[in-house]
Amino acid sequence: MTGWLTAVAGVIIAAGLVGIVITVLPGLLLVVAGVAVWAVPRGDAVGWTVLAVAVGCAALGTVAKFLLPGRAMRAEGVPGRTLLLGAVLGIVGFFVIPVIGLFLGFVAGIYAAERVRLGEHGRAWASSGFALRMVGLSILIELAAGLLATTAWIVGIIVG
């Protein structure tokens, strides 16, 4: 039964890591859930320690993914409503053109908001590019946290 739970946990963790990159699934939540599927039935010190490390990685990653890019965007003058419009148009785009529409709508929303705010194409394009790089940084931070949690799980499997 332990091998079966390990395999199920691995599938859930893998889905979480993919969800982080694709940003359609709640990636870190799935990674932690996968670790919990493995750790809770064990009920031993290794399982609980690995779960605690995974939760800690996810918590720190979640805070960092909002704090670091958000601070940089505020310093550059990119308002939160720009990202909000990008998110709204991304969701609409997802339903209009499945999967790829999410990205296209997000980019279009960010550019439109910055074009209205800044008034000219060159400045809006540069600001949109910066905002998109910060979103990419946010995804990388979340992925790093997910990979650290996954590493803790793998170490837990090896340790026993």
N, C-alpha and C. Protein backbone atom coordinates (compact mmCIF):
# COMPACT_ATOMS: atom_id res chain seq x y z
N MET A 1 0.82 -1.20 0.00
CA MET A 1 0.00 0.00 0.00
C MET A 1 0.87 1.26 0.00
N THR A 2 2.01 1.23 0.64
CA THR A 2 2.88 2.40 0.67
C THR A 2 3.37 2.75 -0.72
N GLY A 3 3.71 1.75 -1.54
CA GLY A 3 4.15 2.01 -2.91
C GLY A 3 3.05 2.65 -3.74
N TRP A 4 1.82 2.20 -3.52
CA TRP A 4 0.69 2.75 -4.24
C TRP A 4 0.46 4.21 -3.87
N LEU A 5 0.53 4.52 -2.57
CA LEU A 5 0.36 5.91 -2.12
C LEU A 5 1.49 6.80 -2.62
N THR A 6 2.69 6.26 -2.68
CA THR A 6 3.82 7.01 -3.21
C THR A 6 3.59 7.36 -4.67
N ALA A 7 3.08 6.40 -5.44
CA ALA A 7 2.80 6.65 -6.86
C ALA A 7 1.70 7.70 -7.03
N VAL A 8 0.64 7.60 -6.24
CA VAL A 8 -0.45 8.59 -6.31
C VAL A 8 0.08 9.96 -5.93
N ALA A 9 0.88 10.02 -4.87
CA ALA A 9 1.46 11.28 -4.44
C ALA A 9 2.33 11.87 -5.54
N GLY A 10 3.11 11.03 -6.20
CA GLY A 10 3.96 11.48 -7.29
C GLY A 10 3.17 12.08 -8.44
N VAL A 11 2.05 11.46 -8.77
CA VAL A 11 1.20 11.99 -9.85
C VAL A 11 0.61 13.34 -9.46
N ILE A 12 0.16 13.45 -8.22
CA ILE A 12 -0.41 14.73 -7.75
C ILE A 12 0.66 15.81 -7.73
N ILE A 13 1.85 15.47 -7.26
CA ILE A 13 2.95 16.44 -7.22
C ILE A 13 3.32 16.87 -8.64
N ALA A 14 3.41 15.91 -9.55
CA ALA A 14 3.74 16.25 -10.94
C ALA A 14 2.68 17.16 -11.55
N ALA A 15 1.41 16.88 -11.27
CA ALA A 15 0.33 17.74 -11.76
C ALA A 15 0.47 19.15 -11.18
N GLY A 16 0.88 19.22 -9.92
CA GLY A 16 1.09 20.53 -9.30
C GLY A 16 2.22 21.31 -9.95
N LEU A 17 3.32 20.62 -10.25
CA LEU A 17 4.44 21.30 -10.90
C LEU A 17 4.06 21.78 -12.30
N VAL A 18 3.31 20.97 -13.02
CA VAL A 18 2.83 21.39 -14.34
C VAL A 18 1.87 22.56 -14.18
N GLY A 19 1.03 22.50 -13.16
CA GLY A 19 0.08 23.58 -12.90
C GLY A 19 0.75 24.90 -12.57
N ILE A 20 1.91 24.84 -11.97
CA ILE A 20 2.65 26.07 -11.68
C ILE A 20 3.08 26.73 -12.99
N VAL A 21 3.59 25.94 -13.89
CA VAL A 21 4.11 26.48 -15.15
C VAL A 21 2.97 26.94 -16.06
N ILE A 22 1.92 26.15 -16.16
CA ILE A 22 0.80 26.49 -17.04
C ILE A 22 -0.11 27.52 -16.40
N THR A 23 -0.06 27.65 -15.11
CA THR A 23 -0.84 28.59 -14.29
C THR A 23 -2.35 28.43 -14.44
N VAL A 24 -2.78 27.21 -14.70
CA VAL A 24 -4.21 26.93 -14.76
C VAL A 24 -4.65 26.21 -13.49
N LEU A 25 -3.78 25.41 -12.94
CA LEU A 25 -4.06 24.65 -11.73
C LEU A 25 -3.42 25.33 -10.53
N PRO A 26 -3.95 25.09 -9.33
CA PRO A 26 -3.31 25.63 -8.12
C PRO A 26 -2.07 24.80 -7.78
N GLY A 27 -0.96 25.10 -8.43
CA GLY A 27 0.22 24.27 -8.40
C GLY A 27 0.79 23.94 -7.03
N LEU A 28 1.11 24.96 -6.24
CA LEU A 28 1.71 24.69 -4.93
C LEU A 28 0.76 23.94 -4.02
N LEU A 29 -0.50 24.25 -4.12
CA LEU A 29 -1.49 23.54 -3.32
C LEU A 29 -1.50 22.05 -3.68
N LEU A 30 -1.41 21.74 -4.97
CA LEU A 30 -1.37 20.34 -5.40
C LEU A 30 -0.08 19.65 -4.94
N VAL A 31 1.03 20.37 -5.00
CA VAL A 31 2.29 19.77 -4.54
C VAL A 31 2.18 19.41 -3.06
N VAL A 32 1.69 20.32 -2.25
CA VAL A 32 1.54 20.05 -0.82
C VAL A 32 0.53 18.93 -0.59
N ALA A 33 -0.55 18.92 -1.37
CA ALA A 33 -1.54 17.85 -1.24
C ALA A 33 -0.92 16.50 -1.57
N GLY A 34 -0.09 16.46 -2.61
CA GLY A 34 0.59 15.21 -2.96
C GLY A 34 1.51 14.73 -1.86
N VAL A 35 2.26 15.65 -1.28
CA VAL A 35 3.14 15.29 -0.17
C VAL A 35 2.30 14.79 1.01
N ALA A 36 1.16 15.44 1.26
CA ALA A 36 0.29 15.01 2.36
C ALA A 36 -0.28 13.61 2.12
N VAL A 37 -0.62 13.30 0.87
CA VAL A 37 -1.11 11.96 0.54
C VAL A 37 -0.08 10.91 0.92
N TRP A 38 1.18 11.23 0.75
CA TRP A 38 2.26 10.32 1.10
C TRP A 38 2.56 10.34 2.60
N ALA A 39 2.56 11.54 3.20
CA ALA A 39 3.06 11.71 4.57
C ALA A 39 2.05 11.32 5.65
N VAL A 40 0.81 11.71 5.50
CA VAL A 40 -0.18 11.52 6.57
C VAL A 40 -0.40 10.05 6.90
N PRO A 41 -0.60 9.18 5.92
CA PRO A 41 -0.80 7.77 6.27
C PRO A 41 0.41 7.13 6.95
N ARG A 42 1.58 7.66 6.67
CA ARG A 42 2.79 7.14 7.33
C ARG A 42 2.71 7.36 8.83
N GLY A 43 2.35 8.57 9.21
CA GLY A 43 2.20 8.91 10.62
C GLY A 43 3.48 8.88 11.42
N ASP A 44 4.63 8.92 10.76
CA ASP A 44 5.90 8.87 11.48
C ASP A 44 6.62 10.22 11.38
N ALA A 45 7.76 10.30 12.06
CA ALA A 45 8.52 11.55 12.11
C ALA A 45 8.99 11.99 10.73
N VAL A 46 9.39 11.03 9.89
CA VAL A 46 9.85 11.39 8.54
C VAL A 46 8.71 12.01 7.75
N GLY A 47 7.55 11.38 7.76
CA GLY A 47 6.41 11.90 7.02
C GLY A 47 5.99 13.28 7.48
N TRP A 48 5.89 13.47 8.78
CA TRP A 48 5.46 14.77 9.31
C TRP A 48 6.52 15.85 9.05
N THR A 49 7.79 15.48 9.15
CA THR A 49 8.85 16.45 8.88
C THR A 49 8.83 16.88 7.42
N VAL A 50 8.69 15.91 6.51
CA VAL A 50 8.64 16.23 5.08
C VAL A 50 7.43 17.10 4.79
N LEU A 51 6.29 16.78 5.36
CA LEU A 51 5.09 17.59 5.15
C LEU A 51 5.30 19.01 5.68
N ALA A 52 5.91 19.14 6.84
CA ALA A 52 6.17 20.47 7.40
C ALA A 52 7.11 21.27 6.50
N VAL A 53 8.13 20.62 5.98
CA VAL A 53 9.06 21.31 5.07
C VAL A 53 8.33 21.73 3.79
N ALA A 54 7.49 20.85 3.26
CA ALA A 54 6.74 21.17 2.04
C ALA A 54 5.79 22.34 2.26
N VAL A 55 5.09 22.34 3.38
CA VAL A 55 4.19 23.45 3.71
C VAL A 55 4.98 24.74 3.88
N GLY A 56 6.12 24.66 4.55
CA GLY A 56 6.97 25.84 4.72
C GLY A 56 7.47 26.39 3.40
N CYS A 57 7.91 25.50 2.51
CA CYS A 57 8.36 25.94 1.18
C CYS A 57 7.22 26.60 0.42
N ALA A 58 6.04 26.01 0.48
CA ALA A 58 4.89 26.57 -0.23
C ALA A 58 4.50 27.93 0.35
N ALA A 59 4.52 28.04 1.67
CA ALA A 59 4.16 29.32 2.30
C ALA A 59 5.16 30.41 1.94
N LEU A 60 6.44 30.10 2.05
CA LEU A 60 7.46 31.09 1.70
C LEU A 60 7.40 31.45 0.22
N GLY A 61 7.19 30.44 -0.63
CA GLY A 61 7.09 30.69 -2.06
C GLY A 61 5.90 31.56 -2.41
N THR A 62 4.78 31.33 -1.74
CA THR A 62 3.58 32.12 -2.00
C THR A 62 3.79 33.58 -1.60
N VAL A 63 4.39 33.79 -0.45
CA VAL A 63 4.66 35.16 -0.01
C VAL A 63 5.64 35.84 -0.97
N ALA A 64 6.71 35.14 -1.31
CA ALA A 64 7.74 35.72 -2.18
C ALA A 64 7.23 36.00 -3.59
N LYS A 65 6.36 35.14 -4.11
CA LYS A 65 5.89 35.34 -5.49
C LYS A 65 5.02 36.58 -5.62
N PHE A 66 4.41 37.02 -4.53
CA PHE A 66 3.64 38.26 -4.58
C PHE A 66 4.48 39.46 -4.14
N LEU A 67 5.31 39.27 -3.14
CA LEU A 67 6.06 40.37 -2.56
C LEU A 67 7.14 40.91 -3.50
N LEU A 68 7.99 40.05 -4.02
CA LEU A 68 9.12 40.52 -4.82
C LEU A 68 8.71 41.16 -6.15
N PRO A 69 7.93 40.48 -7.00
CA PRO A 69 7.52 41.15 -8.24
C PRO A 69 6.61 42.36 -7.99
N GLY A 70 5.76 42.26 -6.98
CA GLY A 70 4.87 43.38 -6.67
C GLY A 70 5.63 44.62 -6.27
N ARG A 71 6.65 44.44 -5.47
CA ARG A 71 7.48 45.58 -5.04
C ARG A 71 8.20 46.19 -6.25
N ALA A 72 8.72 45.34 -7.13
CA ALA A 72 9.42 45.84 -8.32
C ALA A 72 8.45 46.59 -9.24
N MET A 73 7.23 46.08 -9.39
CA MET A 73 6.26 46.76 -10.25
C MET A 73 5.83 48.10 -9.67
N ARG A 74 5.65 48.14 -8.36
CA ARG A 74 5.31 49.43 -7.73
C ARG A 74 6.44 50.42 -7.93
N ALA A 75 7.68 49.96 -7.82
CA ALA A 75 8.83 50.84 -8.01
C ALA A 75 8.88 51.38 -9.44
N GLU A 76 8.43 50.60 -10.39
CA GLU A 76 8.40 51.02 -11.80
C GLU A 76 7.14 51.80 -12.15
N GLY A 77 6.20 51.86 -11.21
CA GLY A 77 4.98 52.62 -11.44
C GLY A 77 3.86 51.85 -12.12
N VAL A 78 3.98 50.53 -12.22
CA VAL A 78 2.92 49.73 -12.84
C VAL A 78 1.84 49.48 -11.79
N PRO A 79 0.63 49.96 -12.02
CA PRO A 79 -0.43 49.81 -11.01
C PRO A 79 -1.03 48.41 -11.00
N GLY A 80 -1.63 48.06 -9.90
CA GLY A 80 -2.26 46.75 -9.76
C GLY A 80 -3.41 46.54 -10.73
N ARG A 81 -4.08 47.63 -11.11
CA ARG A 81 -5.20 47.49 -12.05
C ARG A 81 -4.73 46.99 -13.41
N THR A 82 -3.48 47.22 -13.75
CA THR A 82 -2.94 46.70 -15.01
C THR A 82 -2.96 45.18 -14.99
N LEU A 83 -2.48 44.60 -13.90
CA LEU A 83 -2.48 43.14 -13.78
C LEU A 83 -3.90 42.60 -13.65
N LEU A 84 -4.76 43.34 -12.99
CA LEU A 84 -6.15 42.92 -12.86
C LEU A 84 -6.83 42.84 -14.23
N LEU A 85 -6.63 43.86 -15.06
CA LEU A 85 -7.22 43.83 -16.40
C LEU A 85 -6.61 42.69 -17.22
N GLY A 86 -5.31 42.46 -17.06
CA GLY A 86 -4.68 41.34 -17.74
C GLY A 86 -5.28 40.01 -17.32
N ALA A 87 -5.51 39.85 -16.03
CA ALA A 87 -6.11 38.61 -15.54
C ALA A 87 -7.53 38.42 -16.05
N VAL A 88 -8.32 39.49 -16.05
CA VAL A 88 -9.70 39.40 -16.52
C VAL A 88 -9.73 39.02 -18.00
N LEU A 89 -8.94 39.71 -18.82
CA LEU A 89 -8.92 39.39 -20.25
C LEU A 89 -8.30 38.02 -20.50
N GLY A 90 -7.39 37.60 -19.64
CA GLY A 90 -6.84 36.26 -19.76
C GLY A 90 -7.91 35.20 -19.54
N ILE A 91 -8.74 35.39 -18.55
CA ILE A 91 -9.83 34.44 -18.28
C ILE A 91 -10.82 34.43 -19.43
N VAL A 92 -11.18 35.61 -19.92
CA VAL A 92 -12.09 35.68 -21.08
C VAL A 92 -11.43 34.99 -22.27
N GLY A 93 -10.17 35.28 -22.50
CA GLY A 93 -9.45 34.67 -23.62
C GLY A 93 -9.39 33.16 -23.53
N PHE A 94 -9.29 32.64 -22.31
CA PHE A 94 -9.25 31.19 -22.12
C PHE A 94 -10.51 30.53 -22.65
N PHE A 95 -11.64 31.18 -22.48
CA PHE A 95 -12.90 30.61 -22.94
C PHE A 95 -13.16 30.88 -24.42
N VAL A 96 -12.60 31.96 -24.93
CA VAL A 96 -12.78 32.28 -26.35
C VAL A 96 -11.86 31.40 -27.21
N ILE A 97 -10.60 31.31 -26.83
CA ILE A 97 -9.62 30.45 -27.51
C ILE A 97 -9.01 29.56 -26.43
N PRO A 98 -9.52 28.35 -26.26
CA PRO A 98 -9.05 27.50 -25.15
C PRO A 98 -7.52 27.40 -25.06
N VAL A 99 -7.05 27.45 -23.85
CA VAL A 99 -5.66 27.35 -23.41
C VAL A 99 -4.82 28.54 -23.87
N ILE A 100 -4.56 28.69 -25.17
CA ILE A 100 -3.69 29.77 -25.65
C ILE A 100 -4.32 31.14 -25.42
N GLY A 101 -5.65 31.20 -25.38
CA GLY A 101 -6.35 32.45 -25.15
C GLY A 101 -6.04 33.06 -23.80
N LEU A 102 -5.70 32.22 -22.82
CA LEU A 102 -5.33 32.71 -21.50
C LEU A 102 -4.12 33.63 -21.61
N PHE A 103 -3.09 33.16 -22.29
CA PHE A 103 -1.87 33.96 -22.45
C PHE A 103 -2.14 35.19 -23.33
N LEU A 104 -2.80 34.99 -24.45
CA LEU A 104 -3.06 36.11 -25.37
C LEU A 104 -3.91 37.19 -24.70
N GLY A 105 -4.95 36.78 -23.99
CA GLY A 105 -5.80 37.75 -23.31
C GLY A 105 -5.06 38.49 -22.21
N PHE A 106 -4.20 37.76 -21.50
CA PHE A 106 -3.42 38.38 -20.43
C PHE A 106 -2.50 39.47 -20.98
N VAL A 107 -1.78 39.13 -22.04
CA VAL A 107 -0.86 40.10 -22.65
C VAL A 107 -1.63 41.28 -23.22
N ALA A 108 -2.74 41.01 -23.90
CA ALA A 108 -3.54 42.09 -24.47
C ALA A 108 -4.10 43.00 -23.38
N GLY A 109 -4.53 42.42 -22.28
CA GLY A 109 -5.06 43.21 -21.18
C GLY A 109 -4.01 44.11 -20.54
N ILE A 110 -2.83 43.58 -20.35
CA ILE A 110 -1.75 44.38 -19.76
C ILE A 110 -1.39 45.53 -20.71
N TYR A 111 -1.25 45.20 -22.00
CA TYR A 111 -0.89 46.25 -22.95
C TYR A 111 -1.99 47.32 -23.02
N ALA A 112 -3.25 46.89 -23.07
CA ALA A 112 -4.35 47.86 -23.16
C ALA A 112 -4.37 48.79 -21.95
N ALA A 113 -4.20 48.22 -20.78
CA ALA A 113 -4.21 49.05 -19.57
C ALA A 113 -3.05 50.04 -19.57
N GLU A 114 -1.88 49.58 -19.98
CA GLU A 114 -0.72 50.47 -20.01
C GLU A 114 -0.83 51.50 -21.12
N ARG A 115 -1.44 51.13 -22.23
CA ARG A 115 -1.62 52.09 -23.33
C ARG A 115 -2.56 53.22 -22.90
N VAL A 116 -3.63 52.85 -22.20
CA VAL A 116 -4.55 53.87 -21.69
C VAL A 116 -3.85 54.74 -20.65
N ARG A 117 -3.10 54.11 -19.76
CA ARG A 117 -2.44 54.84 -18.68
C ARG A 117 -1.33 55.75 -19.20
N LEU A 118 -0.51 55.26 -20.13
CA LEU A 118 0.67 56.00 -20.57
C LEU A 118 0.46 56.79 -21.86
N GLY A 119 -0.53 56.42 -22.65
CA GLY A 119 -0.89 57.20 -23.82
C GLY A 119 -0.13 56.93 -25.11
N GLU A 120 1.04 56.37 -25.07
CA GLU A 120 1.77 56.13 -26.31
C GLU A 120 2.27 54.69 -26.37
N HIS A 121 2.40 54.20 -27.58
CA HIS A 121 2.75 52.80 -27.81
C HIS A 121 4.11 52.42 -27.20
N GLY A 122 5.14 53.18 -27.44
CA GLY A 122 6.48 52.83 -26.99
C GLY A 122 6.58 52.66 -25.48
N ARG A 123 6.06 53.62 -24.75
CA ARG A 123 6.10 53.54 -23.29
C ARG A 123 5.21 52.42 -22.78
N ALA A 124 4.03 52.25 -23.39
CA ALA A 124 3.12 51.18 -22.98
C ALA A 124 3.73 49.82 -23.25
N TRP A 125 4.39 49.65 -24.38
CA TRP A 125 5.01 48.38 -24.74
C TRP A 125 6.15 48.05 -23.75
N ALA A 126 6.96 49.05 -23.42
CA ALA A 126 8.07 48.83 -22.47
C ALA A 126 7.52 48.48 -21.09
N SER A 127 6.51 49.19 -20.65
CA SER A 127 5.92 48.92 -19.34
C SER A 127 5.25 47.55 -19.31
N SER A 128 4.58 47.20 -20.40
CA SER A 128 3.94 45.88 -20.50
C SER A 128 4.99 44.78 -20.45
N GLY A 129 6.09 44.98 -21.15
CA GLY A 129 7.18 44.00 -21.13
C GLY A 129 7.72 43.80 -19.72
N PHE A 130 7.89 44.89 -18.99
CA PHE A 130 8.37 44.79 -17.62
C PHE A 130 7.37 44.02 -16.75
N ALA A 131 6.09 44.35 -16.90
CA ALA A 131 5.06 43.66 -16.11
C ALA A 131 5.05 42.17 -16.42
N LEU A 132 5.20 41.81 -17.69
CA LEU A 132 5.22 40.40 -18.07
C LEU A 132 6.46 39.69 -17.52
N ARG A 133 7.59 40.38 -17.50
CA ARG A 133 8.80 39.78 -16.91
C ARG A 133 8.60 39.52 -15.41
N MET A 134 7.91 40.42 -14.74
CA MET A 134 7.66 40.24 -13.31
C MET A 134 6.68 39.09 -13.08
N VAL A 135 5.73 38.91 -13.96
CA VAL A 135 4.83 37.76 -13.86
C VAL A 135 5.64 36.48 -14.06
N GLY A 136 6.56 36.50 -15.02
CA GLY A 136 7.45 35.35 -15.22
C GLY A 136 8.29 35.06 -13.99
N LEU A 137 8.79 36.12 -13.35
CA LEU A 137 9.55 35.95 -12.11
C LEU A 137 8.69 35.31 -11.03
N SER A 138 7.44 35.73 -10.95
CA SER A 138 6.52 35.15 -9.99
C SER A 138 6.34 33.66 -10.22
N ILE A 139 6.21 33.26 -11.48
CA ILE A 139 6.07 31.84 -11.81
C ILE A 139 7.34 31.08 -11.45
N LEU A 140 8.50 31.67 -11.72
CA LEU A 140 9.77 31.00 -11.37
C LEU A 140 9.92 30.84 -9.86
N ILE A 141 9.52 31.83 -9.10
CA ILE A 141 9.59 31.73 -7.64
C ILE A 141 8.69 30.61 -7.15
N GLU A 142 7.47 30.54 -7.69
CA GLU A 142 6.53 29.49 -7.29
C GLU A 142 7.06 28.11 -7.70
N LEU A 143 7.66 28.03 -8.89
CA LEU A 143 8.22 26.76 -9.34
C LEU A 143 9.39 26.33 -8.44
N ALA A 144 10.23 27.27 -8.06
CA ALA A 144 11.34 26.94 -7.16
C ALA A 144 10.81 26.40 -5.83
N ALA A 145 9.76 27.02 -5.30
CA ALA A 145 9.18 26.54 -4.05
C ALA A 145 8.60 25.14 -4.23
N GLY A 146 7.93 24.92 -5.35
CA GLY A 146 7.37 23.59 -5.63
C GLY A 146 8.46 22.53 -5.78
N LEU A 147 9.54 22.90 -6.44
CA LEU A 147 10.66 21.95 -6.60
C LEU A 147 11.36 21.67 -5.28
N LEU A 148 11.47 22.67 -4.42
CA LEU A 148 12.05 22.43 -3.09
C LEU A 148 11.16 21.49 -2.27
N ALA A 149 9.86 21.69 -2.33
CA ALA A 149 8.94 20.80 -1.62
C ALA A 149 9.04 19.38 -2.19
N THR A 150 9.13 19.28 -3.51
CA THR A 150 9.28 17.97 -4.15
C THR A 150 10.59 17.30 -3.75
N THR A 151 11.64 18.09 -3.66
CA THR A 151 12.94 17.55 -3.22
C THR A 151 12.84 17.01 -1.80
N ALA A 152 12.14 17.73 -0.94
CA ALA A 152 11.95 17.23 0.44
C ALA A 152 11.22 15.91 0.43
N TRP A 153 10.23 15.76 -0.43
CA TRP A 153 9.48 14.51 -0.54
C TRP A 153 10.38 13.38 -1.03
N ILE A 154 11.18 13.65 -2.03
CA ILE A 154 12.10 12.63 -2.55
C ILE A 154 13.11 12.21 -1.48
N VAL A 155 13.64 13.18 -0.76
CA VAL A 155 14.56 12.86 0.34
C VAL A 155 13.83 12.00 1.39
N GLY A 156 12.57 12.33 1.68
CA GLY A 156 11.78 11.54 2.62
C GLY A 156 11.60 10.10 2.16
N ILE A 157 11.39 9.93 0.86
CA ILE A 157 11.26 8.58 0.31
C ILE A 157 12.56 7.80 0.49
N ILE A 158 13.66 8.47 0.21
CA ILE A 158 14.98 7.81 0.30
C ILE A 158 15.32 7.48 1.76
N VAL A 159 15.07 8.44 2.65
CA VAL A 159 15.38 8.23 4.07
C VAL A 159 14.50 7.12 4.65
N GLY A 160 13.27 7.09 4.19
CA GLY A 160 12.48 5.94 4.56
C GLY A 160 11.31 6.15 5.38
